[in-house]
Amino acid sequence: MPDVVMITNPAAGRGRGAAAADAAEARLRELGVEPRRLTGESADDTRRLMAEAIASGPDLIALVGGDGTLAAVVDEAAAARIPLALIPAGTGNDLARALGIPYGSPEAAADAAALIVHGATASLDVGEAICPEGSRRFLTIAALGFDAKVSERTNSLRWPRGKARYYLALVIELLRLRPTAFTIAFDGEAPEPAAGTLVAVGNTRSYGGGMPVCPDADPQDGMLDVVRVAPLGRLRLLRLFPRLLNGTHLALPEASSRPVREVTVSAPDLLVYADGERVGSGTVRIRILPGALRIVLPAGRRA
């Protein structure tokens, strides 16, 4: 049986991480695997424990947490080339959705852990967003424009708590809605002005807990999908949301999608978020790192 280190973030998913880890560990023991369990309380702890796990030379590292937990250690994981098993315990779980990994309950966490024995290791693409302030590798989507501004506003609010804070941020940004004067260059082509409401650069299909803004994205094709939405008024943007929720917005004339290996975007008020975390502002170069991460998937399944 494989030598497995399990890294747990108990705070993931507003406290669901501990229950998910217990269920995953119990299932692995039933399957004859005795994981070595390491527990942290923050992103910094997770990075420290990841370095400790890699140094011990296991066959596989199981990471219990959400998209943010994995994003915090993707650099270390990609460099080590040790296979990862994702045991989802976050609030959005957009990577698990894309990869067909069970999520949403302790029972699902146990089923995800069972893939360590019954699944197969595959290569997964990783995106990288590079801003003047710094860079970040990401696994799901980089958001630029209206959606990034909503994330920024949500983080700046101290009240209310939970989803209500996001909805308040959404209302505030709708009231402040203005087109963003994007300048975009695809794969080394000449930059072109492209005013719009948002630009999403996707390695996987969804963000925000299942909103498929990049419905054609495939994290194993060596490409990123750039989805652009043209300038919209408040009412038209509100009417677009149901199409975003079911992934049919690309049928509308205001939306377009293009596969690329690299894209550079700039705007005077540009904000850049990737995997839900702030990367920088002003300008960003986003590129794909094909097959940079090894991850356990259900046997016979592509992402």
Protein backbone atom coordinates (compact mmCIF):
# COMPACT_ATOMS: atom_id res chain seq x y z
CA MET A 1 0.00 0.00 0.00
CA PRO A 2 1.22 3.55 -0.71
CA ASP A 3 2.91 5.70 1.90
CA VAL A 4 0.45 8.60 2.29
CA VAL A 5 0.78 11.88 4.17
CA MET A 6 -2.55 13.61 4.85
CA ILE A 7 -2.46 17.39 5.37
CA THR A 8 -5.59 18.79 6.98
CA ASN A 9 -6.96 22.31 7.26
CA PRO A 10 -9.75 21.94 9.88
CA ALA A 11 -11.00 25.48 9.20
CA ALA A 12 -11.69 24.79 5.52
CA GLY A 13 -15.30 25.09 4.47
CA ARG A 14 -16.18 27.00 7.66
CA GLY A 15 -15.13 24.10 9.85
CA ARG A 16 -15.96 21.14 7.62
CA GLY A 17 -12.30 20.22 7.17
CA ALA A 18 -12.01 18.24 10.41
CA ALA A 19 -15.04 16.03 9.70
CA ALA A 20 -13.85 15.44 6.13
CA ALA A 21 -10.39 14.43 7.35
CA ASP A 22 -11.79 12.01 9.93
CA ALA A 23 -14.01 10.35 7.32
CA ALA A 24 -11.17 10.16 4.80
CA GLU A 25 -8.75 8.67 7.31
CA ALA A 26 -11.29 6.06 8.40
CA ARG A 27 -11.92 4.97 4.80
CA LEU A 28 -8.21 4.73 4.05
CA ARG A 29 -7.67 2.52 7.09
CA GLU A 30 -10.50 0.27 5.91
CA LEU A 31 -8.61 -0.04 2.61
CA GLY A 32 -5.36 -0.90 4.36
CA VAL A 33 -3.67 2.50 4.08
CA GLU A 34 -2.24 4.05 7.25
CA PRO A 35 -1.91 7.78 6.50
CA ARG A 36 0.39 10.05 8.45
CA ARG A 37 -1.80 12.99 9.40
CA LEU A 38 -0.51 16.57 9.71
CA THR A 39 -2.82 19.37 10.85
CA GLY A 40 -2.47 23.13 10.38
CA GLU A 41 -4.64 26.14 11.09
CA SER A 42 -3.77 28.57 8.29
CA ALA A 43 -2.41 28.88 4.76
CA ASP A 44 1.06 29.46 6.19
CA ASP A 45 0.72 26.27 8.24
CA THR A 46 -0.37 24.37 5.15
CA ARG A 47 2.70 25.54 3.22
CA ARG A 48 4.99 24.58 6.11
CA LEU A 49 3.39 21.15 6.43
CA MET A 50 3.59 20.65 2.67
CA ALA A 51 7.35 21.23 2.78
CA GLU A 52 7.61 18.82 5.72
CA ALA A 53 5.58 16.19 3.87
CA ILE A 54 7.62 16.50 0.69
CA ALA A 55 10.86 16.16 2.64
CA SER A 56 9.65 12.86 4.10
CA GLY A 57 9.42 11.37 0.60
CA PRO A 58 5.90 9.85 0.55
CA ASP A 59 4.32 8.12 -2.42
CA LEU A 60 1.39 10.53 -2.30
CA ILE A 61 0.12 13.59 -0.39
CA ALA A 62 -3.59 13.86 0.42
CA LEU A 63 -4.76 17.43 0.93
CA VAL A 64 -7.98 17.99 2.89
CA GLY A 65 -9.46 21.43 2.20
CA GLY A 66 -10.91 23.67 -0.47
CA ASP A 67 -9.62 25.27 -3.65
CA GLY A 68 -7.76 27.86 -1.56
CA THR A 69 -5.97 25.19 0.46
CA LEU A 70 -4.62 23.54 -2.68
CA ALA A 71 -3.82 26.86 -4.34
CA ALA A 72 -1.68 27.79 -1.31
CA VAL A 73 0.70 24.89 -2.00
CA VAL A 74 0.44 24.40 -5.77
CA ASP A 75 3.97 25.78 -6.31
CA GLU A 76 5.49 23.24 -3.93
CA ALA A 77 3.37 20.40 -5.26
CA ALA A 78 4.23 21.12 -8.88
CA ALA A 79 7.95 21.36 -8.13
CA ALA A 80 8.03 18.10 -6.13
CA ARG A 81 6.07 16.08 -8.72
CA ILE A 82 4.65 13.96 -5.89
CA PRO A 83 1.05 13.01 -6.77
CA LEU A 84 -1.69 14.82 -4.88
CA ALA A 85 -5.07 13.51 -3.80
CA LEU A 86 -7.65 16.25 -3.25
CA ILE A 87 -10.17 15.54 -0.50
CA PRO A 88 -12.61 18.45 -0.90
CA ALA A 89 -13.78 20.28 2.20
CA GLY A 90 -14.21 23.84 0.95
CA THR A 91 -17.17 26.09 0.30
CA GLY A 92 -16.92 26.27 -3.50
CA ASN A 93 -15.02 23.09 -4.47
CA ASP A 94 -14.79 24.22 -8.09
CA LEU A 95 -11.71 22.12 -8.82
CA ALA A 96 -13.41 18.98 -7.49
CA ARG A 97 -16.43 19.76 -9.69
CA ALA A 98 -14.17 19.97 -12.74
CA LEU A 99 -12.31 16.75 -11.98
CA GLY A 100 -15.24 14.53 -10.96
CA ILE A 101 -13.96 14.17 -7.39
CA PRO A 102 -16.74 13.60 -4.82
CA TYR A 103 -17.44 16.59 -2.58
CA GLY A 104 -20.03 18.08 -0.27
CA SER A 105 -20.18 15.76 2.78
CA PRO A 106 -17.99 13.57 5.03
CA GLU A 107 -19.21 10.55 3.03
CA ALA A 108 -18.04 12.22 -0.17
CA ALA A 109 -14.68 12.96 1.46
CA ALA A 110 -14.36 9.25 2.26
CA ASP A 111 -15.13 8.40 -1.38
CA ALA A 112 -12.54 10.94 -2.54
CA ALA A 113 -9.96 9.31 -0.25
CA ALA A 114 -10.78 5.91 -1.73
CA LEU A 115 -9.48 7.18 -5.10
CA ILE A 116 -5.99 6.89 -3.60
CA VAL A 117 -6.44 3.13 -3.92
CA HIS A 118 -8.96 2.84 -6.77
CA GLY A 119 -8.20 5.92 -8.89
CA ALA A 120 -5.42 6.82 -11.31
CA THR A 121 -2.78 9.56 -11.42
CA ALA A 122 -3.13 12.14 -14.22
CA SER A 123 -1.39 15.35 -15.24
CA LEU A 124 -3.18 18.64 -14.69
CA ASP A 125 -2.46 22.03 -16.24
CA VAL A 126 -1.71 24.98 -13.96
CA GLY A 127 -2.23 28.66 -14.75
CA GLU A 128 0.11 31.42 -13.67
CA ALA A 129 -0.89 35.07 -13.22
CA ILE A 130 2.02 37.54 -13.13
CA CYS A 131 1.45 41.12 -11.95
CA PRO A 132 3.91 43.90 -11.05
CA GLU A 133 3.15 43.25 -7.35
CA GLY A 134 3.80 39.52 -7.58
CA SER A 135 2.61 36.28 -9.14
CA ARG A 136 0.35 33.38 -8.28
CA ARG A 137 -0.25 29.96 -9.79
CA PHE A 138 -3.88 28.92 -10.00
CA LEU A 139 -5.97 25.89 -10.85
CA THR A 140 -9.43 27.24 -11.64
CA ILE A 141 -10.07 30.78 -12.96
CA ALA A 142 -8.41 34.19 -12.98
CA ALA A 143 -11.05 36.92 -12.75
CA LEU A 144 -10.53 40.41 -14.21
CA GLY A 145 -13.18 43.12 -14.25
CA PHE A 146 -16.59 43.21 -12.59
CA ASP A 147 -16.25 39.83 -10.84
CA ALA A 148 -12.83 40.76 -9.45
CA LYS A 149 -14.24 44.06 -8.17
CA VAL A 150 -17.02 42.19 -6.37
CA SER A 151 -14.38 39.97 -4.71
CA GLU A 152 -12.38 43.05 -3.71
CA ARG A 153 -15.48 44.73 -2.29
CA THR A 154 -16.47 41.56 -0.40
CA ASN A 155 -13.05 41.39 1.24
CA SER A 156 -13.21 45.06 2.26
CA LEU A 157 -16.60 44.78 3.99
CA ARG A 158 -16.72 43.90 7.68
CA TRP A 159 -20.48 43.43 7.78
CA PRO A 160 -22.62 41.41 7.22
CA ARG A 161 -21.23 37.89 7.48
CA GLY A 162 -21.47 34.92 5.14
CA LYS A 163 -23.13 35.06 1.73
CA ALA A 164 -24.98 38.28 2.64
CA ARG A 165 -21.67 40.12 2.50
CA TYR A 166 -21.10 38.90 -1.07
CA TYR A 167 -24.60 39.96 -2.11
CA LEU A 168 -24.09 43.42 -0.58
CA ALA A 169 -20.79 43.73 -2.47
CA LEU A 170 -22.58 42.68 -5.66
CA VAL A 171 -25.22 45.39 -5.22
CA ILE A 172 -22.59 48.07 -4.50
CA GLU A 173 -20.58 47.17 -7.61
CA LEU A 174 -23.71 47.05 -9.75
CA LEU A 175 -24.49 50.60 -8.67
CA ARG A 176 -20.91 51.60 -9.55
CA LEU A 177 -20.88 49.65 -12.83
CA ARG A 178 -18.78 51.18 -15.60
CA PRO A 179 -17.13 49.52 -18.61
CA THR A 180 -13.48 48.64 -18.07
CA ALA A 181 -11.06 49.88 -20.75
CA PHE A 182 -9.21 46.59 -21.21
CA THR A 183 -6.23 46.26 -23.53
CA ILE A 184 -5.62 42.62 -24.45
CA ALA A 185 -2.85 40.76 -26.29
CA PHE A 186 -3.30 37.08 -27.14
CA ASP A 187 -0.30 34.74 -27.58
CA GLY A 188 2.15 37.50 -28.45
CA GLU A 189 -0.16 39.28 -30.91
CA ALA A 190 -0.35 43.07 -30.96
CA PRO A 191 -2.37 44.54 -28.07
CA GLU A 192 -5.88 45.67 -28.93
CA PRO A 193 -8.39 47.79 -27.00
CA ALA A 194 -11.35 45.73 -25.84
CA ALA A 195 -13.65 47.59 -23.45
CA GLY A 196 -15.85 45.21 -21.51
CA THR A 197 -17.56 44.18 -18.31
CA LEU A 198 -15.31 41.29 -17.40
CA VAL A 199 -12.56 38.98 -18.62
CA ALA A 200 -12.25 35.48 -17.15
CA VAL A 201 -9.23 33.29 -17.90
CA GLY A 202 -10.14 29.70 -17.16
CA ASN A 203 -8.15 26.54 -16.61
CA THR A 204 -11.37 24.89 -15.42
CA ARG A 205 -15.04 25.70 -16.06
CA SER A 206 -16.36 27.34 -12.92
CA TYR A 207 -15.75 29.65 -10.01
CA GLY A 208 -17.83 30.85 -7.09
CA GLY A 209 -19.14 27.40 -6.22
CA GLY A 210 -20.25 26.23 -9.65
CA MET A 211 -20.76 29.25 -11.95
CA PRO A 212 -19.45 27.94 -15.32
CA VAL A 213 -18.10 31.22 -16.69
CA CYS A 214 -15.59 29.32 -18.89
CA PRO A 215 -17.75 26.38 -20.01
CA ASP A 216 -15.27 25.11 -22.63
CA ALA A 217 -12.20 25.07 -20.36
CA ASP A 218 -10.35 21.75 -20.04
CA PRO A 219 -7.52 21.53 -17.46
CA GLN A 220 -5.74 18.84 -19.48
CA ASP A 221 -5.60 20.41 -22.95
CA GLY A 222 -2.60 22.70 -22.45
CA MET A 223 -4.71 25.79 -23.09
CA LEU A 224 -6.51 28.54 -21.19
CA ASP A 225 -9.97 29.75 -22.19
CA VAL A 226 -10.39 33.55 -22.25
CA VAL A 227 -14.04 34.57 -21.91
CA ARG A 228 -14.93 38.20 -22.52
CA VAL A 229 -18.21 39.97 -21.84
CA ALA A 230 -18.81 43.22 -23.69
CA PRO A 231 -19.87 46.46 -21.95
CA LEU A 232 -23.29 45.97 -20.35
CA GLY A 233 -25.77 48.11 -18.48
CA ARG A 234 -26.94 47.09 -15.02
CA LEU A 235 -30.22 45.57 -16.18
CA ARG A 236 -28.59 43.63 -19.01
CA LEU A 237 -25.91 42.30 -16.65
CA LEU A 238 -28.58 41.13 -14.20
CA ARG A 239 -30.35 39.35 -17.06
CA LEU A 240 -27.08 37.69 -18.04
CA PHE A 241 -26.59 36.07 -14.62
CA PRO A 242 -29.02 33.15 -15.20
CA ARG A 243 -27.12 32.34 -18.41
CA LEU A 244 -23.85 32.43 -16.46
CA LEU A 245 -25.28 30.04 -13.90
CA ASN A 246 -26.12 27.42 -16.52
CA GLY A 247 -23.16 28.04 -18.83
CA THR A 248 -25.14 29.17 -21.89
CA HIS A 249 -23.90 32.78 -21.98
CA LEU A 250 -21.49 32.10 -24.86
CA ALA A 251 -24.53 31.87 -27.14
CA LEU A 252 -25.15 35.58 -26.54
CA PRO A 253 -23.59 38.21 -28.81
CA GLU A 254 -22.10 40.03 -25.79
CA ALA A 255 -19.92 37.04 -24.80
CA SER A 256 -17.02 35.35 -26.57
CA SER A 257 -14.42 32.69 -25.81
CA ARG A 258 -10.95 32.02 -27.19
CA PRO A 259 -8.37 29.33 -26.30
CA VAL A 260 -4.85 30.68 -25.74
CA ARG A 261 -1.54 29.71 -24.20
CA GLU A 262 -0.85 33.20 -22.91
CA VAL A 263 -2.74 36.47 -22.58
CA THR A 264 -1.72 39.91 -21.32
CA VAL A 265 -4.43 42.25 -20.01
CA SER A 266 -4.17 45.80 -18.72
CA ALA A 267 -6.60 48.55 -17.67
CA PRO A 268 -6.36 51.64 -15.47
CA ASP A 269 -8.69 50.06 -12.87
CA LEU A 270 -7.77 46.41 -13.43
CA LEU A 271 -7.99 44.05 -10.45
CA VAL A 272 -6.72 40.49 -10.71
CA TYR A 273 -8.03 37.59 -8.64
CA ALA A 274 -7.05 33.95 -9.16
CA ASP A 275 -8.59 31.00 -7.30
CA GLY A 276 -10.45 33.63 -5.28
CA GLU A 277 -7.28 35.35 -4.03
CA ARG A 278 -5.97 38.79 -4.96
CA VAL A 279 -2.89 38.76 -7.20
CA GLY A 280 -2.41 42.38 -8.20
CA SER A 281 -3.67 45.27 -10.28
CA GLY A 282 -3.03 47.37 -13.38
CA THR A 283 -1.63 44.71 -15.70
CA VAL A 284 -1.29 40.94 -15.75
CA ARG A 285 0.33 38.29 -17.92
CA ILE A 286 -1.39 34.93 -17.62
CA ARG A 287 0.13 31.76 -19.04
CA ILE A 288 -0.51 28.03 -18.98
CA LEU A 289 1.94 25.51 -17.48
CA PRO A 290 0.86 22.28 -19.23
CA GLY A 291 0.73 19.13 -17.11
CA ALA A 292 2.53 20.83 -14.23
CA LEU A 293 0.64 19.03 -11.44
CA ARG A 294 0.11 15.32 -10.83
CA ILE A 295 -3.25 14.53 -9.24
CA VAL A 296 -5.39 11.49 -8.49
CA LEU A 297 -8.63 11.23 -10.51
CA PRO A 298 -11.37 8.60 -10.77
CA ALA A 299 -10.03 5.72 -12.87
CA GLY A 300 -10.63 6.19 -16.60
CA ARG A 301 -11.83 9.78 -16.24
CA ARG A 302 -10.43 12.86 -17.89
CA ALA A 303 -11.05 16.18 -16.22
